[in-house]
Protein backbone atom coordinates (compact mmCIF):
# COMPACT_ATOMS: atom_id res chain seq x y z
CA MET A 1 -24.78 -178.52 -118.86
CA SER A 2 -21.52 -179.92 -120.76
CA PHE A 3 -18.17 -179.59 -119.29
CA SER A 4 -15.23 -179.02 -121.26
CA LEU A 5 -11.41 -178.67 -119.74
CA GLY A 6 -11.30 -175.38 -121.45
CA SER A 7 -14.00 -173.55 -119.54
CA LEU A 8 -12.74 -175.07 -116.26
CA ALA A 9 -9.09 -173.71 -117.24
CA LEU A 10 -10.68 -170.52 -118.07
CA THR A 11 -12.68 -170.36 -114.69
CA VAL A 12 -9.22 -171.25 -112.77
CA ASN A 13 -7.32 -168.57 -114.10
CA PHE A 14 -9.84 -166.07 -113.78
CA LEU A 15 -9.88 -166.82 -110.17
CA ARG A 16 -6.27 -166.95 -109.75
CA ASN A 17 -6.00 -163.47 -111.31
CA SER A 18 -8.55 -162.04 -109.02
CA HIS A 19 -7.12 -162.24 -105.59
CA TYR A 20 -8.91 -159.41 -104.15
CA GLN A 21 -12.38 -160.16 -104.87
CA PRO A 22 -15.36 -160.15 -102.58
CA LEU A 23 -15.78 -163.35 -100.66
CA ASP A 24 -19.21 -163.79 -102.48
CA ALA A 25 -17.80 -163.66 -105.56
CA SER A 26 -15.05 -166.19 -104.70
CA VAL A 27 -18.07 -168.47 -103.40
CA SER A 28 -19.92 -167.98 -106.41
CA GLN A 29 -16.94 -168.85 -108.80
CA TRP A 30 -15.98 -171.90 -106.75
CA SER A 31 -19.61 -172.87 -106.79
CA HIS A 32 -19.46 -172.62 -110.57
CA VAL A 33 -16.60 -174.75 -110.90
CA ILE A 34 -18.02 -177.29 -108.68
CA SER A 35 -20.94 -177.32 -110.73
CA LEU A 36 -19.39 -177.74 -113.87
CA LEU A 37 -17.42 -180.82 -112.26
CA LEU A 38 -20.52 -182.34 -110.98
CA CYS A 39 -21.93 -182.15 -114.41
CA SER A 40 -19.09 -183.68 -115.93
CA ALA A 41 -18.95 -186.41 -113.41
CA GLU A 42 -22.67 -187.29 -114.10
CA SER A 43 -22.19 -187.16 -117.60
CA SER A 44 -19.05 -189.52 -117.58
CA GLN A 45 -21.32 -191.77 -115.20
CA ARG A 46 -24.02 -192.02 -117.79
CA ASP A 47 -21.54 -192.70 -120.49
CA LEU A 48 -19.88 -195.30 -118.34
CA GLU A 49 -23.37 -196.77 -117.70
CA GLU A 50 -24.41 -196.76 -121.22
CA PHE A 51 -21.08 -198.19 -122.29
CA GLN A 52 -21.37 -201.26 -119.54
CA SER A 53 -24.57 -201.97 -120.67
CA GLY A 54 -23.95 -202.06 -124.34
CA SER A 55 -20.89 -204.29 -123.46
CA ARG A 56 -23.18 -206.68 -121.80
CA GLU A 57 -25.79 -206.95 -124.59
CA LEU A 58 -22.89 -207.42 -126.90
CA GLU A 59 -21.44 -210.43 -124.85
CA ALA A 60 -24.58 -211.99 -124.47
CA GLU A 61 -25.13 -211.85 -128.27
CA LEU A 62 -21.48 -213.03 -128.91
CA GLU A 63 -21.88 -216.00 -126.47
CA THR A 64 -25.43 -217.11 -128.08
CA GLN A 65 -23.41 -216.99 -131.46
CA LEU A 66 -20.44 -218.87 -129.98
CA GLU A 67 -22.94 -221.62 -128.63
CA ALA A 68 -24.74 -221.87 -132.02
CA ALA A 69 -21.57 -222.38 -133.85
CA GLU A 70 -20.14 -224.81 -131.21
CA ASN A 71 -23.47 -226.87 -131.65
CA LYS A 72 -23.15 -226.62 -135.56
CA ASN A 73 -19.43 -227.83 -135.45
CA LYS A 74 -20.85 -230.75 -133.11
CA GLU A 75 -23.42 -231.84 -135.95
CA LEU A 76 -20.72 -231.16 -138.79
CA ASN A 77 -18.06 -233.57 -136.90
CA VAL A 78 -20.59 -236.29 -136.22
CA ALA A 79 -21.72 -236.12 -140.00
CA ASN A 80 -18.13 -236.44 -141.16
CA SER A 81 -17.66 -239.41 -138.84
CA ARG A 82 -20.56 -241.17 -140.16
CA LEU A 83 -19.55 -240.35 -143.71
CA SER A 84 -16.23 -241.25 -143.16
CA MET A 85 -17.46 -244.75 -141.63
CA GLU A 86 -19.54 -245.15 -144.87
CA VAL A 87 -16.66 -244.81 -146.89
CA ASP A 88 -14.80 -247.10 -145.21
CA GLY A 89 -17.81 -249.65 -145.51
CA LEU A 90 -18.00 -249.18 -148.86
CA ARG A 91 -14.37 -249.85 -149.65
CA VAL A 92 -14.56 -252.85 -147.73
CA SER A 93 -17.75 -253.97 -149.81
CA PHE A 94 -16.23 -253.16 -153.12
CA SER A 95 -12.97 -254.90 -152.14
CA LEU A 96 -15.05 -257.95 -151.24
CA TYR A 97 -16.84 -257.68 -154.44
CA ILE A 98 -13.80 -257.75 -156.55
CA CYS A 99 -12.22 -260.69 -154.59
CA SER A 100 -15.40 -262.78 -155.01
CA ASN A 101 -15.58 -262.09 -158.76
CA ARG A 102 -11.64 -262.03 -159.48
CA LYS A 103 -12.34 -264.31 -162.32
CA CYS A 104 -14.70 -261.89 -164.21
CA LEU A 105 -13.01 -258.76 -162.87
CA THR A 106 -9.02 -257.55 -162.86
CA TRP A 107 -7.78 -254.59 -161.94
CA SER A 108 -6.76 -253.62 -165.35
CA SER A 109 -10.37 -254.12 -166.68
CA LEU A 110 -11.74 -251.91 -163.98
CA PHE A 111 -9.29 -248.80 -164.63
CA CYS A 112 -8.41 -249.39 -168.37
CA SER A 113 -10.76 -249.06 -171.31
CA CYS A 114 -8.51 -250.71 -173.36
CA SER A 115 -8.96 -254.20 -172.36
CA SER A 116 -9.83 -256.67 -174.97
């Protein structure tokens, strides 16, 4: 049974306007109001439990994605460091090569195609 504030307001207004109704009718009306409130509370409780369950699932999924992203980031940082060291090593090797062959190579002959 679905509960709405409108139906509760109508019931409360009806009860306020019927001051002289028999006790059985009054009990029946209040039982109906209580029934509506209980249905509303149960529905709200189910909605809350569904929301909490969905939130837990989403949190677990996001934690998994975050862990995967952090692992990928670590791998990329390691690869970046390795490549930086490799570039530095190649620079040193190239500098040594130029220094050892200075008689054959000059900076101008390396970077200018107009050498004679």
